[in-house]
Protein backbone atom coordinates (compact mmCIF):
# COMPACT_ATOMS: atom_id res chain seq x y z
CA LYS A 1 -45.36 71.26 -20.22
CA ASN A 2 -44.42 74.62 -21.79
CA ARG A 3 -42.61 72.92 -24.66
CA ALA A 4 -45.55 70.60 -25.30
CA GLU A 5 -47.94 73.55 -25.37
CA GLN A 6 -45.69 75.54 -27.70
CA GLU A 7 -45.27 72.66 -30.13
CA ALA A 8 -48.99 71.90 -30.08
CA TYR A 9 -49.64 75.53 -30.98
CA LEU A 10 -47.10 75.48 -33.83
CA GLN A 11 -48.51 72.22 -35.18
CA GLN A 12 -51.98 73.73 -35.10
CA LEU A 13 -50.72 76.68 -37.15
CA GLU A 14 -49.27 74.22 -39.67
CA ARG A 15 -52.48 72.23 -39.96
CA GLU A 16 -54.56 75.36 -40.44
CA ASN A 17 -52.06 76.96 -42.84
CA LYS A 18 -51.74 79.96 -40.54
CA VAL A 19 -47.95 80.07 -40.29
CA PRO A 20 -46.83 83.66 -41.10
CA GLN A 21 -45.46 84.04 -44.63
CA HIS A 22 -42.05 85.19 -43.42
CA VAL A 23 -41.60 82.06 -41.26
CA ARG A 24 -40.95 78.38 -41.98
CA LEU A 25 -41.39 75.66 -39.37
CA ILE A 26 -38.84 72.86 -39.52
CA HIS A 27 -38.71 69.52 -37.71
CA PRO A 28 -35.04 68.68 -37.04
CA LYS A 29 -33.85 65.08 -36.68
CA ALA A 30 -31.48 64.07 -33.89
CA ALA A 31 -27.85 63.29 -34.83
CA PHE A 32 -25.72 63.32 -31.67
CA CYS A 33 -25.62 65.04 -28.29
CA VAL A 34 -22.79 67.06 -26.77
CA LYS A 35 -22.39 67.41 -23.01
CA VAL A 36 -20.30 70.29 -21.68
CA LYS A 37 -19.62 71.70 -18.22
CA ARG A 38 -20.55 75.28 -17.46
CA ARG A 39 -19.69 77.88 -14.81
CA ASP A 40 -22.42 80.39 -14.00
CA SER A 41 -19.92 82.50 -12.02
CA PRO A 42 -16.25 82.21 -11.00
CA ASP A 43 -17.17 80.92 -7.53
CA ALA A 44 -20.07 78.69 -8.56
CA PRO A 45 -19.71 74.90 -8.81
CA GLU A 46 -19.65 73.45 -12.32
CA GLY A 47 -22.98 72.54 -13.86
CA LYS A 48 -23.97 70.74 -17.06
CA LEU A 49 -25.29 71.91 -20.41
CA PHE A 50 -26.46 69.78 -23.35
CA ILE A 51 -26.43 70.58 -27.06
CA ASN A 52 -28.46 68.35 -29.36
CA ILE A 53 -26.76 68.42 -32.75
CA CYS A 54 -29.51 67.74 -35.27
CA THR A 55 -30.22 67.96 -38.99
CA ALA A 56 -32.73 69.69 -41.24
CA GLU A 57 -32.76 69.80 -45.03
CA GLU A 58 -33.94 73.42 -44.87
CA ILE A 59 -30.61 74.58 -43.42
CA GLY A 60 -27.98 75.60 -45.99
CA ARG A 61 -25.18 73.24 -47.00
CA PRO A 62 -21.60 73.79 -45.79
CA GLU A 63 -19.61 75.86 -48.26
CA PRO A 64 -15.81 75.52 -48.56
CA THR A 65 -13.57 78.29 -49.91
CA ARG A 66 -9.95 77.41 -50.59
CA SER A 67 -7.06 79.79 -50.12
CA GLU A 68 -3.30 79.67 -49.57
CA LYS A 69 -3.91 79.44 -45.83
CA GLY A 70 -6.19 76.42 -46.10
CA VAL A 71 -9.93 75.90 -46.37
CA HIS A 72 -12.54 78.29 -45.00
CA TRP A 73 -15.87 76.64 -44.20
CA SER A 74 -19.18 78.46 -43.97
CA LEU A 75 -21.45 76.41 -41.70
CA PRO A 76 -25.09 77.57 -41.73
CA TYR A 77 -26.98 76.57 -38.60
CA SER A 78 -30.16 77.22 -36.64
CA LEU A 79 -30.03 77.51 -32.86
CA GLY A 80 -33.21 76.82 -30.93
CA PRO A 81 -34.24 78.50 -27.66
CA MET A 82 -32.88 77.38 -24.31
CA ARG A 83 -34.98 74.91 -22.35
CA HIS A 84 -34.33 72.54 -19.45
CA GLU A 85 -34.28 68.76 -19.88
CA LEU A 86 -33.69 65.92 -17.43
CA ASP A 87 -30.50 63.89 -17.47
CA ARG A 88 -30.20 60.26 -16.36
CA SER A 89 -30.12 61.42 -12.72
CA ARG A 90 -33.47 63.18 -13.29
CA GLU A 91 -31.83 66.57 -12.79
CA ALA A 92 -32.79 69.46 -15.11
CA HIS A 93 -30.07 71.18 -17.14
CA PRO A 94 -30.00 73.87 -19.86
CA THR A 95 -30.42 72.28 -23.29
CA PHE A 96 -30.22 73.62 -26.84
CA ASP A 97 -31.00 72.20 -30.28
CA PHE A 98 -28.40 73.10 -32.91
CA ALA A 99 -29.56 72.24 -36.43
CA LEU A 100 -27.32 71.78 -39.46
CA ASN A 101 -27.73 70.52 -42.98
CA PRO A 102 -27.48 66.69 -43.15
CA ASP A 103 -24.39 67.04 -45.34
CA THR A 104 -22.65 68.94 -42.55
CA CYS A 105 -23.37 66.13 -40.08
CA ARG A 106 -22.22 63.48 -42.55
CA ARG A 107 -18.87 65.22 -42.69
CA CYS A 108 -18.61 64.84 -38.89
CA LYS A 109 -17.30 61.30 -39.49
CA ASP A 110 -14.01 63.17 -39.81
CA ALA A 111 -12.83 63.98 -36.27
CA ARG A 112 -11.42 67.40 -37.18
CA PHE A 113 -14.61 68.43 -38.94
CA GLN A 114 -16.71 67.23 -36.01
CA LYS A 115 -14.59 69.30 -33.62
CA MET A 116 -15.09 72.31 -35.88
CA VAL A 117 -18.86 71.79 -35.74
CA ILE A 118 -18.84 71.35 -31.95
CA ASP A 119 -16.71 74.49 -31.49
CA THR A 120 -19.18 76.42 -33.65
CA ALA A 121 -22.09 75.13 -31.56
CA LEU A 122 -20.31 76.04 -28.31
CA ASP A 123 -19.70 79.60 -29.55
CA ALA A 124 -23.35 80.04 -30.55
CA VAL A 125 -24.71 78.54 -27.33
CA GLU A 126 -22.39 80.48 -25.02
CA SER A 127 -23.46 83.71 -26.70
CA ARG A 128 -27.15 82.78 -26.41
CA VAL A 129 -26.86 81.75 -22.74
CA LYS A 130 -25.38 85.13 -21.89
CA GLU A 131 -28.27 86.83 -23.68
CA VAL A 132 -30.93 84.75 -21.92
CA LEU A 133 -29.47 84.66 -18.41
CA LYS A 134 -27.85 88.11 -18.56
CA ASP A 135 -24.83 86.63 -16.83
CA ASN A 136 -21.22 85.86 -17.68
CA VAL A 137 -21.72 82.11 -18.11
CA LYS A 138 -18.65 80.25 -19.31
CA LEU A 139 -18.58 76.86 -21.01
CA VAL A 140 -15.62 74.67 -20.07
CA ARG A 141 -14.52 73.92 -23.64
CA GLY A 142 -12.15 71.10 -22.76
CA SER A 143 -14.97 69.17 -21.09
CA ALA A 144 -17.15 68.92 -24.22
CA ARG A 145 -17.78 65.34 -25.30
CA VAL A 146 -20.21 63.43 -27.49
CA LEU A 147 -22.51 61.14 -25.49
CA LYS A 148 -22.46 57.53 -26.65
CA GLY A 149 -25.83 56.03 -27.46
CA VAL A 150 -27.69 59.30 -26.71
CA PRO A 151 -28.64 61.07 -29.97
CA CYS A 152 -30.80 63.63 -28.18
CA ILE A 153 -31.55 64.82 -24.63
CA GLY A 154 -35.27 65.38 -24.19
CA GLY A 155 -36.55 62.68 -26.54
CA LYS A 156 -36.42 64.59 -29.81
CA PRO A 157 -35.43 68.05 -31.06
CA ALA A 158 -38.00 70.82 -30.79
CA ILE A 159 -39.75 72.42 -33.76
CA MET A 160 -37.79 75.44 -35.01
CA GLN A 161 -38.76 78.62 -36.82
CA ILE A 162 -36.52 79.96 -39.58
CA GLY A 163 -36.95 82.66 -42.21
CA ALA A 164 -38.96 81.79 -45.30
CA LYS A 165 -37.16 81.43 -48.63
CA GLY A 166 -36.52 84.78 -50.19
CA GLN A 167 -37.22 86.63 -46.94
CA GLY A 168 -34.39 88.70 -45.51
CA LYS A 169 -30.71 87.82 -45.78
CA ALA A 170 -29.59 84.34 -46.71
CA ASN A 171 -29.02 82.05 -43.74
CA GLU A 172 -30.39 84.57 -41.24
CA ALA A 173 -33.64 84.76 -39.30
CA PRO A 174 -34.12 86.80 -36.12
CA ALA A 175 -35.49 85.18 -32.99
CA SER A 176 -38.80 86.94 -32.49
CA SER A 177 -40.29 85.01 -29.57
CA SER A 178 -39.51 82.44 -26.90
CA VAL A 179 -40.17 79.61 -29.34
CA ALA A 180 -38.22 81.06 -32.24
CA SER A 181 -34.81 79.92 -33.35
CA SER A 182 -32.02 82.00 -34.84
CA THR A 183 -30.29 81.02 -38.04
CA SER A 184 -26.81 82.08 -39.02
CA ALA A 185 -23.62 80.93 -40.67
CA ALA A 186 -20.24 80.54 -38.99
CA THR A 187 -17.01 80.81 -40.97
CA THR A 188 -14.21 78.51 -39.91
CA GLN A 189 -10.75 77.86 -41.27
CA THR A 190 -8.57 74.78 -41.47
CA GLY A 191 -5.13 74.51 -42.97
CA PRO A 192 -2.19 72.11 -43.21
CA THR A 193 -0.23 74.05 -40.56
CA ASP A 194 -3.25 74.55 -38.32
CA PRO A 195 -4.26 71.19 -36.78
CA LYS A 196 -7.03 72.77 -34.69
CA PRO A 197 -9.83 74.51 -36.64
CA ARG A 198 -10.35 78.11 -35.59
CA ILE A 199 -13.55 80.08 -35.43
CA LYS A 200 -13.24 83.38 -37.25
CA GLU A 201 -15.33 86.30 -36.06
């Protein structure tokens, strides 16, 4: 209900041209969904968390930089707010929308690149969950898998807010409310002697 009300409000702002000048509303398209186990505390049983990987033309393209150590990738993304969606057992679990440029998702046909994207999403989500829940939530990285035949948990990705063109730093927009999304860019590195892409802080 809350999501429906929020999206109805945002759509009304769009129709009436009342969206603040420093904000753009984007409508991501579903690409694939990642399911990962989570631990809310060391003694707690494992729970689930879903990440809807989606695309939006408004998000920056991936940018490679070559060096002697391999290729560094800058992956701009927008992370939506946490919400709860029902799985096939009708149980509610934390869910996030993680939007990328369509070109980034097209490159996910390569298994190593897809893993790099998923690792980036896991880093962003784990950080956000800790901010929202104020708890030391851990994602069980080895459990992450792409769901077959399920492009998106919750029907479709939610509307996101990102910074308007020319406003603030490139690829960045602060989350200013419960319906806002944050936009950033992760830098990753791959190289011939490094079979597993690493996330660089």
